[in-house]
Amino acid sequence: MIALAAPHSGAVAAGMTVAAAGGNALDAALAAAAALTVTYPHQCSVGGDLVAIVRPAGGTPRAVLSIGAAAAGTDVAALRARGDRMPAGGPDTVTVPGVVAGWAAIARLGARLPLADLLAPAIALARDGVPASTGLRRAIAARRDAIRADPGLRAVLPADGEPLVQPALADTLTAIAANWRTFYKGHLAHRLVAGLRALGSPLSITDFATHRAEVVEPLSTTVDGVRWYAAPPPAQGATLLGILGSADLVTAARQAQLRRDALLGDPRTGPVDVDALMLRRTVAAAATPALARPMGDTAAVTAVGDDGTAVTLIQSVYQSFGAGILDPATGIVLHNRGSAFSLDETHPGVLRPGSRPPHTLCPALALAGDAVVALGCQGGRSQPWILAQVAADVLAAGDLPALLSRPRWVIGARDIGRTDPTLLLEPGTPGGFSATAERLGLDLATTSGPHDDAGHVQVARLRGGTLDAASDVRADGRAVVR
């Protein structure tokens, strides 16, 4: 049996289809992830990145980081001449997409079925069409100007009441199913690079061909007897681990936020102080870099099998519809992860040719005795404190849907549509926050109801031999145990 949660019902159905054909939790999660690139193009795409934590049955958790790099031919000086921060979208913000290599890396850690079988439901959804979800319709309305400006998006995204049909994407997924490497070294790479370069992107075939998904030891910490695992830099897993179990979570989150904004970068191209990110040592205050506004458009999938196999994976285009580019030749929406680079030469996340950007994706996995929890969410830069609010009770909770329905808070500024640093509360959030917000120098605001900024949490759990799962009411998804 498998417990599976995802933010779109079509993705869950895809996962259960491959489970019924003999797939395990990894197969189900990968099929759901592929389906999400079809049904949720505002939040994820094969043109985005992927980060995951995978635990083979009885094995040691591994982190999968398939985070693409900036082009080797990036002209940093030219971008600095245009302003003090990276553009929010457009071809200069597209880094090499990592999703496809990430799927292959997860599959190698223990999936049972061939990639062709895992992608078959997604291919059918793209070719036959799916109804536009509530979340997709909201995103279309919010980014209408960007959609009108891009011929690819304008041609594919449906008008009100029409289904989302994507024949070019179906062809692309069919090619990936036959040989995923064609996305990086074959005809798909050549098509995609040709389209990007025509728009002014510096990405080349060599940039695509040199991409590799990393499979590494995750960061970990123990809180109240529970061992938590998260992804290392350039992902922000250290930020989550640093605040888990805090007696004053809001204060810890604000401190961790400032550390992350000042210290997170790519360890392949410069030093990253993980102990400081995890709040394990004191560091001098640093200025927050000038960043483009990320809107946290991301999709999480969690799955756990009754044999203890578990995966939490997140894939993303960063902002709604990413860079605002859908390549007509391939049907692929391109992410704008490059907008997260800093242009400050002293910052660890500074834009360099071949460097990976500071990354918001923050999947988490917990082990305690025979219990296994896979946890992930949408929520951009707020993912650590969103997950921390759920993590405190996720092992003991008798009703996982009720746990995910609780009001939550987030801290942010531009990333939650605020001019100044703000503590944003959903109605009914418990606790007296006025004094805390004042002490931390935060504005205080309340949403009108459950809000996307508070995250779309997905959870799957094995506890006492029993599987269960839940999908956040703020999304369009569901959870199934079968």
Protein backbone atom coordinates (compact mmCIF):
# COMPACT_ATOMS: atom_id res chain seq x y z
CA MET A 1 0.00 0.00 0.00
CA ILE A 2 1.02 3.60 -0.64
CA ALA A 3 0.05 6.94 0.93
CA LEU A 4 0.27 9.78 -1.60
CA ALA A 5 -0.50 13.51 -1.44
CA ALA A 6 -0.24 16.15 -4.16
CA PRO A 7 -1.82 19.57 -4.87
CA HIS A 8 -3.88 18.41 -7.87
CA SER A 9 -6.30 15.49 -8.02
CA GLY A 10 -5.14 14.54 -11.53
CA ALA A 11 -1.61 14.07 -10.20
CA VAL A 12 -2.83 11.80 -7.42
CA ALA A 13 -4.81 9.76 -9.95
CA ALA A 14 -1.67 9.40 -12.08
CA GLY A 15 0.29 8.18 -9.08
CA MET A 16 -2.34 5.64 -8.14
CA THR A 17 -2.48 4.36 -11.73
CA VAL A 18 1.19 3.40 -11.68
CA ALA A 19 0.86 2.03 -8.13
CA ALA A 20 -1.87 -0.29 -9.37
CA ALA A 21 0.50 -1.44 -12.12
CA GLY A 22 3.05 -2.57 -9.53
CA GLY A 23 4.83 0.68 -8.73
CA ASN A 24 6.10 1.60 -5.29
CA ALA A 25 6.05 4.95 -3.48
CA LEU A 26 8.82 6.36 -5.70
CA ASP A 27 6.97 5.36 -8.87
CA ALA A 28 3.73 6.90 -7.59
CA ALA A 29 5.45 10.14 -6.62
CA LEU A 30 7.22 10.43 -9.98
CA ALA A 31 4.02 9.82 -11.94
CA ALA A 32 2.26 12.46 -9.83
CA ALA A 33 5.15 14.89 -10.33
CA ALA A 34 5.06 14.42 -14.10
CA ALA A 35 1.30 14.95 -14.14
CA LEU A 36 1.72 18.19 -12.18
CA THR A 37 3.92 19.61 -14.96
CA VAL A 38 0.83 19.26 -17.17
CA THR A 39 -1.99 20.24 -14.81
CA TYR A 40 -0.17 22.95 -12.81
CA PRO A 41 1.96 24.88 -15.35
CA HIS A 42 1.81 28.03 -13.23
CA GLN A 43 3.61 26.21 -10.40
CA CYS A 44 5.88 23.59 -11.99
CA SER A 45 7.19 22.43 -15.34
CA VAL A 46 9.83 20.27 -16.98
CA GLY A 47 11.38 23.70 -17.50
CA GLY A 48 11.98 24.13 -13.75
CA ASP A 49 14.07 22.63 -10.94
CA LEU A 50 13.60 19.74 -8.50
CA VAL A 51 14.77 19.00 -4.95
CA ALA A 52 13.86 15.82 -3.06
CA ILE A 53 14.62 13.69 -0.04
CA VAL A 54 14.35 9.96 -0.77
CA ARG A 55 14.43 7.11 1.72
CA PRO A 56 14.61 3.62 0.18
CA ALA A 57 12.92 0.95 2.29
CA GLY A 58 15.11 0.35 5.34
CA GLY A 59 17.81 2.57 3.88
CA THR A 60 19.44 5.88 4.57
CA PRO A 61 17.78 9.08 3.31
CA ARG A 62 19.43 10.78 0.36
CA ALA A 63 19.01 14.32 -0.97
CA VAL A 64 18.46 14.86 -4.69
CA LEU A 65 19.35 18.36 -5.88
CA SER A 66 18.65 18.91 -9.56
CA ILE A 67 19.21 22.65 -9.56
CA GLY A 68 20.30 24.20 -12.84
CA ALA A 69 23.14 26.66 -13.24
CA ALA A 70 23.43 30.03 -14.93
CA ALA A 71 24.86 29.98 -18.44
CA ALA A 72 28.63 29.84 -18.80
CA GLY A 73 28.28 32.81 -21.14
CA THR A 74 26.36 35.00 -18.67
CA ASP A 75 27.35 38.68 -18.96
CA VAL A 76 27.23 39.73 -15.32
CA ALA A 77 28.53 43.23 -16.02
CA ALA A 78 25.73 43.89 -18.49
CA LEU A 79 23.11 42.87 -15.94
CA ARG A 80 24.68 45.08 -13.26
CA ALA A 81 24.60 47.98 -15.70
CA ARG A 82 20.81 47.61 -15.90
CA GLY A 83 20.11 47.82 -12.17
CA ASP A 84 20.95 46.68 -8.65
CA ARG A 85 18.89 43.50 -8.78
CA MET A 86 18.21 40.69 -11.21
CA PRO A 87 15.22 41.12 -13.51
CA ALA A 88 12.08 39.37 -12.28
CA GLY A 89 11.51 37.46 -15.51
CA GLY A 90 12.52 37.11 -19.12
CA PRO A 91 15.32 35.13 -20.78
CA ASP A 92 18.10 36.40 -18.47
CA THR A 93 16.45 34.65 -15.51
CA VAL A 94 16.27 31.19 -17.11
CA THR A 95 18.82 28.74 -15.70
CA VAL A 96 19.25 25.14 -16.94
CA PRO A 97 16.08 23.24 -15.93
CA GLY A 98 16.73 20.37 -13.53
CA VAL A 99 13.39 18.54 -13.26
CA VAL A 100 14.01 15.85 -15.86
CA ALA A 101 17.42 14.85 -14.49
CA GLY A 102 15.88 14.92 -11.03
CA TRP A 103 13.20 12.41 -12.05
CA ALA A 104 15.88 10.07 -13.39
CA ALA A 105 17.95 10.40 -10.21
CA ILE A 106 14.96 9.56 -7.98
CA ALA A 107 14.07 6.58 -10.18
CA ARG A 108 17.60 5.20 -9.78
CA LEU A 109 17.16 5.20 -5.99
CA GLY A 110 14.56 2.43 -6.13
CA ALA A 111 11.65 2.93 -8.53
CA ARG A 112 10.36 -0.31 -10.04
CA LEU A 113 8.82 0.77 -13.34
CA PRO A 114 10.42 2.27 -16.47
CA LEU A 115 10.14 6.01 -16.97
CA ALA A 116 7.87 5.44 -19.97
CA ASP A 117 5.26 3.89 -17.69
CA LEU A 118 5.59 6.67 -15.12
CA LEU A 119 5.08 9.42 -17.70
CA ALA A 120 2.22 7.75 -19.58
CA PRO A 121 -0.56 9.33 -17.47
CA ALA A 122 0.99 12.80 -17.84
CA ILE A 123 1.28 12.37 -21.61
CA ALA A 124 -2.40 11.45 -21.83
CA LEU A 125 -3.38 14.48 -19.73
CA ALA A 126 -1.37 16.80 -21.96
CA ARG A 127 -2.74 15.37 -25.19
CA ASP A 128 -6.39 14.93 -24.15
CA GLY A 129 -6.64 18.02 -21.97
CA VAL A 130 -7.70 18.70 -18.38
CA PRO A 131 -10.08 21.23 -16.83
CA ALA A 132 -8.33 24.35 -15.57
CA SER A 133 -8.05 24.14 -11.78
CA THR A 134 -9.06 26.94 -9.44
CA GLY A 135 -5.40 27.66 -8.74
CA LEU A 136 -4.52 27.85 -12.43
CA ARG A 137 -7.40 30.23 -13.12
CA ARG A 138 -6.24 32.48 -10.27
CA ALA A 139 -2.71 32.49 -11.64
CA ILE A 140 -3.91 33.33 -15.17
CA ALA A 141 -5.86 36.28 -13.81
CA ALA A 142 -2.92 37.48 -11.69
CA ARG A 143 -0.38 37.35 -14.56
CA ARG A 144 -2.62 38.31 -17.45
CA ASP A 145 -0.24 40.99 -18.75
CA ALA A 146 2.73 38.61 -18.82
CA ILE A 147 0.63 35.97 -20.58
CA ARG A 148 -0.50 38.42 -23.23
CA ALA A 149 3.13 39.44 -23.81
CA ASP A 150 4.32 35.88 -24.53
CA PRO A 151 3.10 34.12 -27.70
CA GLY A 152 3.60 30.65 -26.23
CA LEU A 153 1.62 31.28 -23.04
CA ARG A 154 -1.03 33.20 -24.93
CA ALA A 155 -1.61 30.32 -27.35
CA VAL A 156 -1.76 27.52 -24.78
CA LEU A 157 -3.46 28.82 -21.65
CA PRO A 158 -7.22 28.40 -21.78
CA ALA A 159 -9.93 31.02 -21.66
CA ASP A 160 -12.56 30.69 -18.92
CA GLY A 161 -14.35 27.35 -19.11
CA GLU A 162 -12.02 25.82 -21.68
CA PRO A 163 -9.79 22.79 -20.99
CA LEU A 164 -5.99 22.99 -20.90
CA VAL A 165 -4.73 21.06 -23.94
CA GLN A 166 -0.97 20.86 -24.61
CA PRO A 167 -0.04 18.77 -27.68
CA ALA A 168 3.51 20.11 -27.93
CA LEU A 169 4.13 19.25 -24.28
CA ALA A 170 2.69 15.77 -24.89
CA ASP A 171 5.27 15.27 -27.65
CA THR A 172 8.04 16.51 -25.36
CA LEU A 173 7.04 14.17 -22.54
CA THR A 174 6.85 11.29 -25.03
CA ALA A 175 10.43 11.99 -26.08
CA ILE A 176 11.56 12.20 -22.43
CA ALA A 177 9.81 8.90 -21.69
CA ALA A 178 11.77 7.22 -24.48
CA ASN A 179 15.14 8.71 -23.46
CA TRP A 180 15.29 11.38 -20.78
CA ARG A 181 18.82 12.40 -21.82
CA THR A 182 17.46 13.95 -25.00
CA PHE A 183 16.33 16.84 -22.81
CA TYR A 184 19.97 17.69 -22.14
CA LYS A 185 21.91 16.33 -25.12
CA GLY A 186 19.45 15.49 -27.89
CA HIS A 187 16.86 17.09 -30.10
CA LEU A 188 14.82 18.51 -27.21
CA ALA A 189 17.86 20.36 -25.89
CA HIS A 190 18.60 21.78 -29.34
CA ARG A 191 15.00 22.93 -29.81
CA LEU A 192 14.81 24.52 -26.39
CA VAL A 193 18.17 26.26 -26.66
CA ALA A 194 17.32 27.59 -30.12
CA GLY A 195 14.12 29.13 -28.78
CA LEU A 196 15.84 30.64 -25.76
CA ARG A 197 18.73 32.09 -27.72
CA ALA A 198 16.28 33.69 -30.15
CA LEU A 199 14.91 35.56 -27.12
CA GLY A 200 18.38 36.67 -26.01
CA SER A 201 19.25 33.97 -23.47
CA PRO A 202 22.95 33.06 -23.17
CA LEU A 203 22.19 29.38 -22.43
CA SER A 204 23.93 26.94 -24.77
CA ILE A 205 23.83 23.25 -25.64
CA THR A 206 26.98 22.84 -23.55
CA ASP A 207 25.20 24.32 -20.51
CA PHE A 208 22.43 21.75 -20.88
CA ALA A 209 24.80 18.84 -21.59
CA THR A 210 26.86 19.48 -18.47
CA HIS A 211 23.91 19.50 -16.05
CA ARG A 212 23.92 16.72 -13.44
CA ALA A 213 21.52 15.94 -10.60
CA GLU A 214 23.38 15.65 -7.30
CA VAL A 215 22.55 12.74 -4.99
CA VAL A 216 24.14 13.59 -1.65
CA GLU A 217 23.86 13.14 2.09
CA PRO A 218 21.11 15.42 3.43
CA LEU A 219 21.49 17.76 6.36
CA SER A 220 19.90 16.41 9.53
CA THR A 221 19.09 17.23 13.13
CA THR A 222 17.28 15.51 16.01
CA VAL A 223 14.40 17.23 17.81
CA ASP A 224 12.56 15.47 20.66
CA GLY A 225 13.71 12.07 19.45
CA VAL A 226 12.73 12.68 15.82
CA ARG A 227 15.46 12.73 13.16
CA TRP A 228 14.71 15.35 10.51
CA TYR A 229 16.37 15.47 7.08
CA ALA A 230 16.50 18.36 4.60
CA ALA A 231 18.46 19.34 1.51
CA PRO A 232 21.83 21.12 1.76
CA PRO A 233 22.73 24.39 -0.01
CA PRO A 234 22.00 25.89 -2.40
CA ALA A 235 18.56 24.76 -1.11
CA GLN A 236 17.31 26.31 2.16
CA GLY A 237 17.00 23.08 4.16
CA ALA A 238 19.43 24.41 6.79
CA THR A 239 16.97 27.21 7.53
CA LEU A 240 14.22 24.73 8.35
CA LEU A 241 16.44 22.52 10.51
CA GLY A 242 17.69 25.56 12.42
CA ILE A 243 14.22 26.51 13.67
CA LEU A 244 12.61 23.10 14.30
CA GLY A 245 11.66 22.70 17.95
CA SER A 246 12.15 26.36 18.83
CA ALA A 247 10.20 27.56 21.87
CA ASP A 248 9.76 30.95 20.15
CA LEU A 249 9.27 29.98 16.52
CA VAL A 250 8.48 33.46 15.20
CA THR A 251 11.67 34.94 16.65
CA ALA A 252 13.74 31.99 15.42
CA ALA A 253 12.17 32.26 11.97
CA ARG A 254 13.01 35.96 11.70
CA GLN A 255 16.61 35.30 12.71
CA ALA A 256 16.87 32.39 10.28
CA GLN A 257 15.31 34.46 7.50
CA LEU A 258 17.95 37.16 7.87
CA ARG A 259 20.72 34.56 7.95
CA ARG A 260 19.42 32.82 4.84
CA ASP A 261 19.02 36.04 2.88
CA ALA A 262 22.58 37.04 3.75
CA LEU A 263 24.42 33.71 3.65
CA LEU A 264 22.83 31.21 1.25
CA GLY A 265 24.69 30.47 -1.96
CA ASP A 266 26.15 27.68 -4.09
CA PRO A 267 28.87 25.68 -2.32
CA ARG A 268 30.26 24.64 -5.70
CA THR A 269 31.34 28.20 -6.42
CA GLY A 270 32.04 29.65 -2.96
CA PRO A 271 31.93 28.91 0.78
CA VAL A 272 28.55 28.59 2.51
CA ASP A 273 28.36 28.74 6.33
CA VAL A 274 25.90 25.92 7.06
CA ASP A 275 26.36 26.18 10.86
CA ALA A 276 25.36 29.83 10.76
CA LEU A 277 22.35 29.03 8.54
CA MET A 278 21.27 26.44 11.12
CA LEU A 279 21.61 29.04 13.92
CA ARG A 280 24.39 26.99 15.52
CA ARG A 281 26.76 29.91 15.82
CA THR A 282 26.61 33.69 16.05
CA VAL A 283 27.46 35.80 13.03
CA ALA A 284 27.60 39.52 12.39
CA ALA A 285 24.48 41.08 10.92
CA ALA A 286 24.52 41.43 7.16
CA ALA A 287 22.50 43.49 4.74
CA THR A 288 19.63 41.81 2.91
CA PRO A 289 20.43 41.61 -0.82
CA ALA A 290 18.25 43.26 -3.44
CA LEU A 291 16.18 40.45 -4.93
CA ALA A 292 13.42 40.22 -7.48
CA ARG A 293 10.09 39.29 -5.96
CA PRO A 294 9.58 35.51 -5.89
CA MET A 295 5.96 34.39 -5.67
CA GLY A 296 6.63 30.85 -4.48
CA ASP A 297 4.99 28.90 -7.27
CA THR A 298 5.98 25.39 -6.44
CA ALA A 299 4.34 21.95 -6.19
CA ALA A 300 5.16 19.32 -3.56
CA VAL A 301 4.48 15.59 -3.77
CA THR A 302 4.83 13.25 -0.79
CA ALA A 303 4.58 9.46 -0.78
CA VAL A 304 5.26 6.70 1.74
CA GLY A 305 4.92 2.96 1.23
CA ASP A 306 4.03 0.34 3.82
CA ASP A 307 7.59 -0.99 3.40
CA GLY A 308 9.01 2.33 4.64
CA THR A 309 9.99 3.67 1.23
CA ALA A 310 9.43 7.43 1.32
CA VAL A 311 9.91 10.47 -0.90
CA THR A 312 9.19 14.15 -0.59
CA LEU A 313 9.87 16.03 -3.80
CA ILE A 314 9.30 19.61 -4.83
CA GLN A 315 9.46 21.02 -8.33
CA SER A 316 8.95 24.62 -9.27
CA VAL A 317 8.98 27.43 -11.83
CA TYR A 318 9.58 29.98 -9.01
CA GLN A 319 7.19 32.79 -10.02
CA SER A 320 3.77 32.05 -11.55
CA PHE A 321 4.55 30.81 -15.06
CA GLY A 322 8.22 31.28 -14.27
CA ALA A 323 10.09 33.63 -16.58
CA GLY A 324 6.87 34.35 -18.47
CA ILE A 325 8.07 32.21 -21.37
CA LEU A 326 6.46 29.12 -22.89
CA ASP A 327 8.63 27.72 -25.68
CA PRO A 328 6.20 26.96 -28.55
CA ALA A 329 8.38 24.24 -30.10
CA THR A 330 8.40 22.11 -26.96
CA GLY A 331 5.41 23.37 -24.95
CA ILE A 332 7.70 23.96 -21.96
CA VAL A 333 7.20 26.77 -19.45
CA LEU A 334 10.64 28.09 -18.40
CA HIS A 335 11.40 28.98 -14.80
CA ASN A 336 12.95 32.23 -13.56
CA ARG A 337 15.20 30.78 -10.87
CA GLY A 338 17.97 33.12 -12.00
CA SER A 339 16.05 36.05 -10.54
CA ALA A 340 17.13 34.78 -7.09
CA PHE A 341 20.79 35.59 -7.74
CA SER A 342 22.27 38.63 -6.06
CA LEU A 343 24.25 41.19 -8.09
CA ASP A 344 26.26 42.16 -4.98
CA GLU A 345 29.80 40.85 -5.49
CA THR A 346 30.19 40.22 -1.73
CA HIS A 347 27.10 38.00 -1.40
CA PRO A 348 27.45 34.17 -1.40
CA GLY A 349 24.52 34.00 -3.83
CA VAL A 350 26.10 36.39 -6.35
CA LEU A 351 25.50 35.66 -10.02
CA ARG A 352 28.47 33.90 -11.57
CA PRO A 353 28.67 31.97 -14.86
CA GLY A 354 27.95 28.33 -14.04
CA SER A 355 26.68 29.02 -10.52
CA ARG A 356 23.39 27.77 -9.08
CA PRO A 357 21.03 30.31 -7.47
CA PRO A 358 19.99 30.33 -3.79
CA HIS A 359 17.00 28.03 -3.75
CA THR A 360 13.69 28.07 -1.88
CA LEU A 361 12.74 24.40 -2.30
CA CYS A 362 12.68 22.75 1.13
CA PRO A 363 11.38 19.15 1.25
CA ALA A 364 11.69 17.43 4.63
CA LEU A 365 11.60 13.86 5.87
CA ALA A 366 11.40 12.56 9.45
CA LEU A 367 12.24 9.20 11.03
CA ALA A 368 11.33 8.14 14.56
CA GLY A 369 11.49 4.44 15.37
CA ASP A 370 9.32 2.74 12.76
CA ALA A 371 7.55 6.00 11.86
CA VAL A 372 8.29 7.81 8.59
CA VAL A 373 6.95 11.21 7.56
CA ALA A 374 7.36 12.87 4.15
CA LEU A 375 6.55 16.59 4.27
CA GLY A 376 6.68 19.35 1.67
CA CYS A 377 4.93 22.53 0.62
CA GLN A 378 4.50 25.39 -1.77
CA GLY A 379 5.32 28.70 -0.16
CA GLY A 380 8.46 30.19 -1.69
CA ARG A 381 10.87 31.70 0.81
CA SER A 382 8.41 31.00 3.67
CA GLN A 383 8.62 27.21 3.31
CA PRO A 384 10.79 26.69 6.43
CA TRP A 385 8.38 28.35 8.87
CA ILE A 386 5.33 26.91 7.14
CA LEU A 387 6.76 23.40 7.54
CA ALA A 388 8.00 24.06 11.07
CA GLN A 389 4.47 24.92 12.20
CA VAL A 390 3.25 21.56 10.89
CA ALA A 391 6.32 19.52 11.89
CA ALA A 392 5.80 20.17 15.59
CA ASP A 393 2.69 17.94 15.64
CA VAL A 394 2.91 15.82 12.49
CA LEU A 395 4.19 12.66 14.21
CA ALA A 396 1.54 12.67 16.93
CA ALA A 397 -1.46 14.13 15.08
CA GLY A 398 -4.42 11.78 14.88
CA ASP A 399 -6.10 13.83 12.14
CA LEU A 400 -3.66 14.97 9.48
CA PRO A 401 -6.24 16.95 7.41
CA ALA A 402 -7.18 18.89 10.55
CA LEU A 403 -3.52 19.61 11.22
CA LEU A 404 -3.06 21.07 7.74
CA SER A 405 -6.25 23.12 8.12
CA ARG A 406 -4.95 25.05 11.13
CA PRO A 407 -4.34 28.78 10.58
CA ARG A 408 -0.69 29.62 9.94
CA TRP A 409 1.60 32.65 9.83
CA VAL A 410 4.44 33.62 7.52
CA ILE A 411 7.19 36.24 7.60
CA GLY A 412 8.17 38.03 4.41
CA ALA A 413 8.23 41.24 2.45
CA ARG A 414 8.35 41.40 -1.35
CA ASP A 415 7.78 37.64 -1.48
CA ILE A 416 4.34 38.05 0.15
CA GLY A 417 3.45 41.26 -1.64
CA ARG A 418 4.45 43.64 1.17
CA THR A 419 6.70 46.66 0.99
CA ASP A 420 8.20 46.17 4.46
CA PRO A 421 9.04 43.04 6.49
CA THR A 422 5.72 41.71 7.73
CA LEU A 423 4.31 39.01 9.98
CA LEU A 424 1.25 37.87 8.04
CA LEU A 425 -1.43 35.92 9.93
CA GLU A 426 -4.35 33.85 8.74
CA PRO A 427 -7.52 34.50 10.77
CA GLY A 428 -7.61 32.50 13.97
CA THR A 429 -3.87 32.02 14.27
CA PRO A 430 -3.32 31.39 18.00
CA GLY A 431 -0.99 33.50 20.11
CA GLY A 432 -0.45 37.16 20.87
CA PHE A 433 1.74 38.40 18.04
CA SER A 434 1.59 42.18 18.44
CA ALA A 435 4.42 42.45 20.95
CA THR A 436 6.54 39.92 19.05
CA ALA A 437 6.09 41.74 15.76
CA GLU A 438 7.00 45.07 17.37
CA ARG A 439 10.09 43.59 19.03
CA LEU A 440 11.27 42.09 15.72
CA GLY A 441 10.57 45.25 13.73
CA LEU A 442 7.83 43.62 11.67
CA ASP A 443 4.56 45.03 10.43
CA LEU A 444 1.54 42.93 11.40
CA ALA A 445 -1.21 42.01 8.94
CA THR A 446 -4.05 39.49 8.69
CA THR A 447 -5.42 37.79 5.58
CA SER A 448 -9.14 37.55 4.92
CA GLY A 449 -9.06 33.74 5.11
CA PRO A 450 -6.88 30.73 4.25
CA HIS A 451 -4.24 32.09 1.89
CA ASP A 452 -1.80 30.77 -0.72
CA ASP A 453 1.06 32.58 1.02
CA ALA A 454 0.59 30.25 4.01
CA GLY A 455 1.58 27.32 1.81
CA HIS A 456 0.13 24.21 0.21
CA VAL A 457 1.41 21.50 2.56
CA GLN A 458 1.42 17.83 1.51
CA VAL A 459 2.14 15.04 3.99
CA ALA A 460 2.34 11.24 3.86
CA ARG A 461 3.03 9.16 6.96
CA LEU A 462 3.68 5.60 8.12
CA ARG A 463 3.11 5.21 11.87
CA GLY A 464 2.56 2.01 13.82
CA GLY A 465 2.21 0.11 10.57
CA THR A 466 -0.61 2.40 9.41
CA LEU A 467 -0.41 4.70 6.39
CA ASP A 468 -2.16 8.04 6.16
CA ALA A 469 -1.82 11.29 4.19
CA ALA A 470 -3.28 14.75 3.79
CA SER A 471 -3.34 17.52 1.21
CA ASP A 472 -3.70 21.19 2.12
CA VAL A 473 -7.15 22.76 1.81
CA ARG A 474 -5.43 25.82 0.28
CA ALA A 475 -4.59 23.83 -2.88
CA ASP A 476 -6.55 21.82 -5.47
CA GLY A 477 -5.25 18.43 -4.41
CA ARG A 478 -6.10 15.37 -2.44
CA ALA A 479 -4.49 12.53 -0.53
CA VAL A 480 -5.04 8.82 -1.03
CA VAL A 481 -4.03 5.63 0.76
CA ARG A 482 -4.36 2.58 -1.43
